[in-house]
Amino acid sequence: MAARHPEGFGKADAFLRPNPDVLLRTRSQLGQVACEVTDRNGSAALDFVPEKGAIYLIRVGQRANSAPGGFRLDVFAPESQPRGPGAPLPAAGAGGVLDSLQHTTDAYSYRMKAAVPTA
């Protein structure tokens, strides 16, 4: 699972820095699983591997010296990893954008020919 607090929403500026963290509830206890502090732009992202049947809480808090304001929180399951050998590499090549949270890898295949030795 992944959670992302995107930049530039509401009052998420120099005055508001929401800090998201993920907590695992075990009976009456809460244990921290992941935590992230927002960057200069008010953006943060974190990920964790959930346990089957576990109950998680996502908490977003503001710093003590910050004014309250709005925020947006995206929670999603990242794309699954591609399995090899991958789609054939197009003749013109391939392009795209990867990120560290949602779209982390791409896989392509290319059939190579053995080199011919020269004398």
N, C-alpha and C. Protein backbone atom coordinates (compact mmCIF):
# COMPACT_ATOMS: atom_id res chain seq x y z
N MET A 1 0.84 -1.17 0.00
CA MET A 1 0.00 0.00 0.00
C MET A 1 0.89 1.23 0.00
N ALA A 2 0.36 2.31 -0.49
CA ALA A 2 1.11 3.55 -0.53
C ALA A 2 0.18 4.71 -0.20
N ALA A 3 0.75 5.73 0.38
CA ALA A 3 0.01 6.96 0.68
C ALA A 3 0.85 8.12 0.18
N ARG A 4 0.16 9.07 -0.42
CA ARG A 4 0.88 10.22 -0.96
C ARG A 4 0.11 11.48 -0.58
N HIS A 5 0.81 12.47 -0.07
CA HIS A 5 0.24 13.79 0.20
C HIS A 5 0.81 14.71 -0.85
N PRO A 6 0.04 15.00 -1.92
CA PRO A 6 0.58 15.80 -3.01
C PRO A 6 0.74 17.26 -2.62
N GLU A 7 1.69 17.92 -3.28
CA GLU A 7 1.97 19.32 -2.99
C GLU A 7 0.89 20.22 -3.55
N GLY A 8 0.88 21.42 -3.05
CA GLY A 8 0.05 22.48 -3.63
C GLY A 8 -1.44 22.31 -3.44
N PHE A 9 -1.91 21.74 -2.35
CA PHE A 9 -3.34 21.62 -2.13
C PHE A 9 -3.72 22.41 -0.90
N GLY A 10 -4.77 23.19 -1.00
CA GLY A 10 -5.25 23.95 0.15
C GLY A 10 -4.18 24.89 0.66
N LYS A 11 -3.97 24.85 1.96
CA LYS A 11 -2.97 25.73 2.58
C LYS A 11 -1.67 24.98 2.82
N ALA A 12 -1.39 23.95 2.03
CA ALA A 12 -0.15 23.18 2.21
C ALA A 12 1.02 24.00 1.67
N ASP A 13 1.37 25.02 2.39
CA ASP A 13 2.46 25.89 1.97
C ASP A 13 3.46 26.01 3.11
N ALA A 14 4.18 27.09 3.17
CA ALA A 14 5.22 27.25 4.18
C ALA A 14 4.66 27.23 5.60
N PHE A 15 3.35 27.44 5.75
CA PHE A 15 2.78 27.50 7.09
C PHE A 15 2.19 26.17 7.54
N LEU A 16 1.83 25.32 6.62
CA LEU A 16 1.23 24.04 6.99
C LEU A 16 2.07 22.90 6.42
N ARG A 17 2.50 22.01 7.26
CA ARG A 17 3.29 20.87 6.85
C ARG A 17 2.66 19.61 7.46
N PRO A 18 1.61 19.07 6.84
CA PRO A 18 1.04 17.84 7.39
C PRO A 18 2.08 16.72 7.32
N ASN A 19 2.14 15.91 8.34
CA ASN A 19 3.10 14.81 8.42
C ASN A 19 2.33 13.51 8.50
N PRO A 20 2.25 12.74 7.40
CA PRO A 20 1.48 11.49 7.43
C PRO A 20 2.29 10.36 8.07
N ASP A 21 1.58 9.50 8.80
CA ASP A 21 2.19 8.25 9.25
C ASP A 21 1.15 7.16 9.28
N VAL A 22 1.60 5.91 9.19
CA VAL A 22 0.74 4.75 9.16
C VAL A 22 0.95 3.98 10.46
N LEU A 23 -0.16 3.61 11.09
CA LEU A 23 -0.12 2.89 12.35
C LEU A 23 -0.81 1.55 12.19
N LEU A 24 -0.27 0.52 12.83
CA LEU A 24 -0.86 -0.82 12.84
C LEU A 24 -1.56 -1.01 14.18
N ARG A 25 -2.85 -1.36 14.12
CA ARG A 25 -3.60 -1.59 15.36
C ARG A 25 -3.54 -3.06 15.72
N THR A 26 -3.02 -3.36 16.91
CA THR A 26 -2.99 -4.71 17.44
C THR A 26 -3.71 -4.67 18.78
N ARG A 27 -4.91 -5.23 18.81
CA ARG A 27 -5.81 -5.12 19.97
C ARG A 27 -5.98 -3.65 20.34
N SER A 28 -5.57 -3.24 21.52
CA SER A 28 -5.76 -1.85 21.92
C SER A 28 -4.51 -1.00 21.71
N GLN A 29 -3.49 -1.57 21.08
CA GLN A 29 -2.22 -0.87 20.91
C GLN A 29 -2.04 -0.40 19.47
N LEU A 30 -1.31 0.69 19.32
CA LEU A 30 -0.95 1.22 18.00
C LEU A 30 0.56 1.20 17.87
N GLY A 31 1.05 0.66 16.78
CA GLY A 31 2.49 0.65 16.49
C GLY A 31 2.75 1.35 15.17
N GLN A 32 3.78 2.16 15.12
CA GLN A 32 4.09 2.89 13.89
C GLN A 32 4.71 1.98 12.85
N VAL A 33 4.19 2.03 11.64
CA VAL A 33 4.67 1.23 10.52
C VAL A 33 5.52 2.09 9.59
N ALA A 34 5.09 3.30 9.30
CA ALA A 34 5.80 4.19 8.38
C ALA A 34 5.47 5.63 8.75
N CYS A 35 6.41 6.52 8.50
CA CYS A 35 6.19 7.94 8.79
C CYS A 35 7.03 8.76 7.81
N GLU A 36 6.53 9.91 7.45
CA GLU A 36 7.26 10.78 6.53
C GLU A 36 6.95 12.23 6.86
N VAL A 37 7.95 13.07 6.79
CA VAL A 37 7.78 14.51 6.97
C VAL A 37 7.69 15.13 5.59
N THR A 38 6.81 16.09 5.42
CA THR A 38 6.66 16.73 4.12
C THR A 38 7.91 17.53 3.75
N ASP A 39 8.09 17.72 2.45
CA ASP A 39 9.23 18.48 1.96
C ASP A 39 8.92 19.98 1.94
N ARG A 40 9.79 20.77 1.36
CA ARG A 40 9.61 22.22 1.31
C ARG A 40 8.34 22.63 0.58
N ASN A 41 7.83 21.76 -0.31
CA ASN A 41 6.62 22.06 -1.08
C ASN A 41 5.35 21.54 -0.42
N GLY A 42 5.48 20.91 0.75
CA GLY A 42 4.31 20.37 1.42
C GLY A 42 3.90 19.01 0.89
N SER A 43 4.81 18.27 0.26
CA SER A 43 4.50 16.98 -0.33
C SER A 43 5.24 15.87 0.42
N ALA A 44 4.58 14.73 0.56
CA ALA A 44 5.21 13.57 1.20
C ALA A 44 4.65 12.29 0.59
N ALA A 45 5.43 11.23 0.60
CA ALA A 45 4.98 9.93 0.10
C ALA A 45 5.62 8.85 0.96
N LEU A 46 4.87 7.80 1.23
CA LEU A 46 5.41 6.67 1.99
C LEU A 46 4.74 5.40 1.51
N ASP A 47 5.43 4.28 1.73
CA ASP A 47 4.83 3.00 1.37
C ASP A 47 5.16 1.98 2.44
N PHE A 48 4.37 0.89 2.45
CA PHE A 48 4.57 -0.20 3.41
C PHE A 48 3.93 -1.45 2.84
N VAL A 49 4.36 -2.60 3.33
CA VAL A 49 3.80 -3.89 2.91
C VAL A 49 2.79 -4.31 3.97
N PRO A 50 1.49 -4.33 3.63
CA PRO A 50 0.48 -4.66 4.62
C PRO A 50 0.46 -6.16 4.93
N GLU A 51 0.08 -6.47 6.15
CA GLU A 51 -0.12 -7.86 6.57
C GLU A 51 -1.59 -8.21 6.35
N LYS A 52 -1.86 -9.40 5.86
CA LYS A 52 -3.22 -9.84 5.60
C LYS A 52 -4.03 -9.81 6.89
N GLY A 53 -5.20 -9.20 6.84
CA GLY A 53 -6.11 -9.15 7.98
C GLY A 53 -5.79 -8.08 9.02
N ALA A 54 -4.69 -7.36 8.83
CA ALA A 54 -4.30 -6.33 9.80
C ALA A 54 -5.14 -5.07 9.60
N ILE A 55 -5.28 -4.29 10.66
CA ILE A 55 -6.01 -3.03 10.62
C ILE A 55 -5.00 -1.89 10.74
N TYR A 56 -5.04 -0.99 9.77
CA TYR A 56 -4.12 0.13 9.73
C TYR A 56 -4.87 1.45 9.86
N LEU A 57 -4.24 2.40 10.48
CA LEU A 57 -4.76 3.75 10.57
C LEU A 57 -3.76 4.68 9.91
N ILE A 58 -4.25 5.66 9.18
CA ILE A 58 -3.37 6.67 8.59
C ILE A 58 -3.68 7.98 9.30
N ARG A 59 -2.66 8.56 9.86
CA ARG A 59 -2.82 9.80 10.61
C ARG A 59 -2.06 10.90 9.88
N VAL A 60 -2.70 12.05 9.76
CA VAL A 60 -2.07 13.22 9.18
C VAL A 60 -2.14 14.31 10.24
N GLY A 61 -0.99 14.78 10.67
CA GLY A 61 -0.95 15.80 11.72
C GLY A 61 -0.18 17.01 11.27
N GLN A 62 -0.42 18.11 11.94
CA GLN A 62 0.31 19.33 11.62
C GLN A 62 1.38 19.57 12.67
N ARG A 63 2.38 20.30 12.29
CA ARG A 63 3.43 20.66 13.22
C ARG A 63 2.89 21.63 14.26
N ALA A 64 3.50 21.65 15.42
CA ALA A 64 3.03 22.47 16.54
C ALA A 64 2.95 23.95 16.18
N ASN A 65 3.85 24.44 15.36
CA ASN A 65 3.87 25.87 15.03
C ASN A 65 3.19 26.18 13.70
N SER A 66 2.32 25.30 13.21
CA SER A 66 1.66 25.49 11.92
C SER A 66 0.19 25.88 12.11
N ALA A 67 -0.31 26.66 11.17
CA ALA A 67 -1.73 27.00 11.16
C ALA A 67 -2.50 25.86 10.52
N PRO A 68 -3.72 25.57 10.99
CA PRO A 68 -4.51 24.50 10.38
C PRO A 68 -4.91 24.86 8.95
N GLY A 69 -5.13 23.85 8.12
CA GLY A 69 -5.53 24.08 6.74
C GLY A 69 -5.93 22.76 6.08
N GLY A 70 -6.34 22.83 4.84
CA GLY A 70 -6.78 21.65 4.11
C GLY A 70 -5.62 20.82 3.60
N PHE A 71 -5.90 19.58 3.23
CA PHE A 71 -4.91 18.72 2.62
C PHE A 71 -5.62 17.65 1.81
N ARG A 72 -4.89 16.99 0.94
CA ARG A 72 -5.41 15.87 0.16
C ARG A 72 -4.51 14.68 0.41
N LEU A 73 -5.11 13.51 0.57
CA LEU A 73 -4.35 12.29 0.82
C LEU A 73 -4.79 11.23 -0.18
N ASP A 74 -3.86 10.70 -0.96
CA ASP A 74 -4.13 9.63 -1.91
C ASP A 74 -3.61 8.33 -1.31
N VAL A 75 -4.44 7.29 -1.27
CA VAL A 75 -4.03 5.98 -0.78
C VAL A 75 -4.33 4.98 -1.89
N PHE A 76 -3.34 4.16 -2.25
CA PHE A 76 -3.52 3.25 -3.38
C PHE A 76 -2.56 2.09 -3.28
N ALA A 77 -2.86 1.04 -4.02
CA ALA A 77 -1.94 -0.09 -4.17
C ALA A 77 -1.08 0.20 -5.39
N PRO A 78 0.24 0.22 -5.25
CA PRO A 78 1.11 0.50 -6.40
C PRO A 78 0.94 -0.55 -7.50
N GLU A 79 1.34 -0.19 -8.70
CA GLU A 79 1.31 -1.13 -9.82
C GLU A 79 2.17 -2.35 -9.48
N SER A 80 1.75 -3.51 -9.94
CA SER A 80 2.56 -4.70 -9.72
C SER A 80 3.81 -4.65 -10.60
N GLN A 81 4.84 -5.35 -10.16
CA GLN A 81 6.10 -5.38 -10.90
C GLN A 81 5.91 -6.15 -12.21
N PRO A 82 6.52 -5.69 -13.30
CA PRO A 82 6.40 -6.41 -14.57
C PRO A 82 7.14 -7.74 -14.48
N ARG A 83 6.64 -8.72 -15.21
CA ARG A 83 7.29 -10.03 -15.24
C ARG A 83 8.04 -10.17 -16.55
N GLY A 84 9.24 -10.70 -16.46
CA GLY A 84 10.06 -10.89 -17.65
C GLY A 84 9.50 -11.96 -18.55
N PRO A 85 9.84 -11.96 -19.78
CA PRO A 85 10.83 -11.08 -20.41
C PRO A 85 10.28 -9.71 -20.78
N GLY A 86 9.02 -9.43 -20.61
CA GLY A 86 8.47 -8.11 -20.92
C GLY A 86 8.02 -8.02 -22.37
N ALA A 87 7.35 -6.94 -22.69
CA ALA A 87 6.86 -6.71 -24.05
C ALA A 87 8.05 -6.47 -24.98
N PRO A 88 7.93 -6.84 -26.26
CA PRO A 88 9.03 -6.57 -27.19
C PRO A 88 9.34 -5.08 -27.25
N LEU A 89 10.61 -4.77 -27.28
CA LEU A 89 11.05 -3.38 -27.37
C LEU A 89 10.72 -2.86 -28.76
N PRO A 90 9.96 -1.76 -28.86
CA PRO A 90 9.62 -1.23 -30.18
C PRO A 90 10.88 -0.82 -30.95
N ALA A 91 10.82 -0.87 -32.28
CA ALA A 91 11.96 -0.51 -33.11
C ALA A 91 12.44 0.91 -32.85
N ALA A 92 11.52 1.80 -32.53
CA ALA A 92 11.89 3.20 -32.27
C ALA A 92 12.34 3.41 -30.83
N GLY A 93 12.37 2.35 -30.04
CA GLY A 93 12.75 2.49 -28.63
C GLY A 93 11.53 2.70 -27.77
N ALA A 94 11.74 2.98 -26.51
CA ALA A 94 10.64 3.17 -25.58
C ALA A 94 10.94 4.37 -24.70
N GLY A 95 9.92 4.98 -24.20
CA GLY A 95 10.08 6.12 -23.30
C GLY A 95 8.99 6.08 -22.25
N GLY A 96 9.20 6.77 -21.19
CA GLY A 96 8.21 6.82 -20.13
C GLY A 96 8.80 7.46 -18.91
N VAL A 97 7.99 7.55 -17.88
CA VAL A 97 8.41 8.16 -16.63
C VAL A 97 8.16 7.18 -15.50
N LEU A 98 9.18 6.96 -14.69
CA LEU A 98 9.06 6.12 -13.50
C LEU A 98 9.06 7.02 -12.28
N ASP A 99 8.42 6.55 -11.21
CA ASP A 99 8.52 7.28 -9.94
C ASP A 99 8.78 6.27 -8.83
N SER A 100 9.15 6.77 -7.68
CA SER A 100 9.59 5.89 -6.59
C SER A 100 8.45 5.25 -5.83
N LEU A 101 7.20 5.56 -6.17
CA LEU A 101 6.09 5.04 -5.38
C LEU A 101 5.08 4.25 -6.19
N GLN A 102 4.57 4.81 -7.27
CA GLN A 102 3.49 4.17 -8.02
C GLN A 102 4.00 3.34 -9.19
N HIS A 103 4.77 3.91 -10.07
CA HIS A 103 5.22 3.23 -11.30
C HIS A 103 6.75 3.12 -11.22
N THR A 104 7.21 2.03 -10.60
CA THR A 104 8.63 1.94 -10.25
C THR A 104 9.51 1.24 -11.27
N THR A 105 8.95 0.41 -12.14
CA THR A 105 9.77 -0.33 -13.10
C THR A 105 9.02 -0.55 -14.41
N ASP A 106 9.77 -0.78 -15.46
CA ASP A 106 9.24 -1.21 -16.76
C ASP A 106 10.14 -2.33 -17.25
N ALA A 107 9.61 -3.23 -18.04
CA ALA A 107 10.41 -4.33 -18.58
C ALA A 107 10.11 -4.50 -20.07
N TYR A 108 11.15 -4.66 -20.85
CA TYR A 108 11.03 -4.90 -22.28
C TYR A 108 11.95 -6.05 -22.65
N SER A 109 11.69 -6.65 -23.80
CA SER A 109 12.56 -7.73 -24.27
C SER A 109 13.08 -7.38 -25.66
N TYR A 110 14.24 -7.95 -25.97
CA TYR A 110 14.86 -7.73 -27.28
C TYR A 110 15.64 -8.98 -27.64
N ARG A 111 15.33 -9.57 -28.80
CA ARG A 111 16.03 -10.78 -29.23
C ARG A 111 17.31 -10.38 -29.92
N MET A 112 18.41 -10.82 -29.37
CA MET A 112 19.72 -10.46 -29.91
C MET A 112 20.25 -11.59 -30.79
N LYS A 113 21.06 -11.25 -31.75
CA LYS A 113 21.68 -12.24 -32.64
C LYS A 113 23.14 -12.39 -32.22
N ALA A 114 23.64 -13.59 -32.37
CA ALA A 114 25.04 -13.84 -32.02
C ALA A 114 25.95 -13.08 -32.99
N ALA A 115 27.02 -12.59 -32.47
CA ALA A 115 27.98 -11.85 -33.29
C ALA A 115 28.73 -12.82 -34.22
N VAL A 116 29.12 -12.35 -35.36
CA VAL A 116 29.89 -13.14 -36.31
C VAL A 116 31.35 -12.74 -36.14
N PRO A 117 32.21 -13.71 -35.75
CA PRO A 117 33.62 -13.36 -35.55
C PRO A 117 34.28 -12.94 -36.87
N THR A 118 35.15 -11.97 -36.78
CA THR A 118 35.90 -11.54 -37.95
C THR A 118 37.33 -12.04 -37.82
N ALA A 119 37.96 -12.31 -38.96
CA ALA A 119 39.32 -12.86 -38.96
C ALA A 119 40.37 -11.79 -38.90
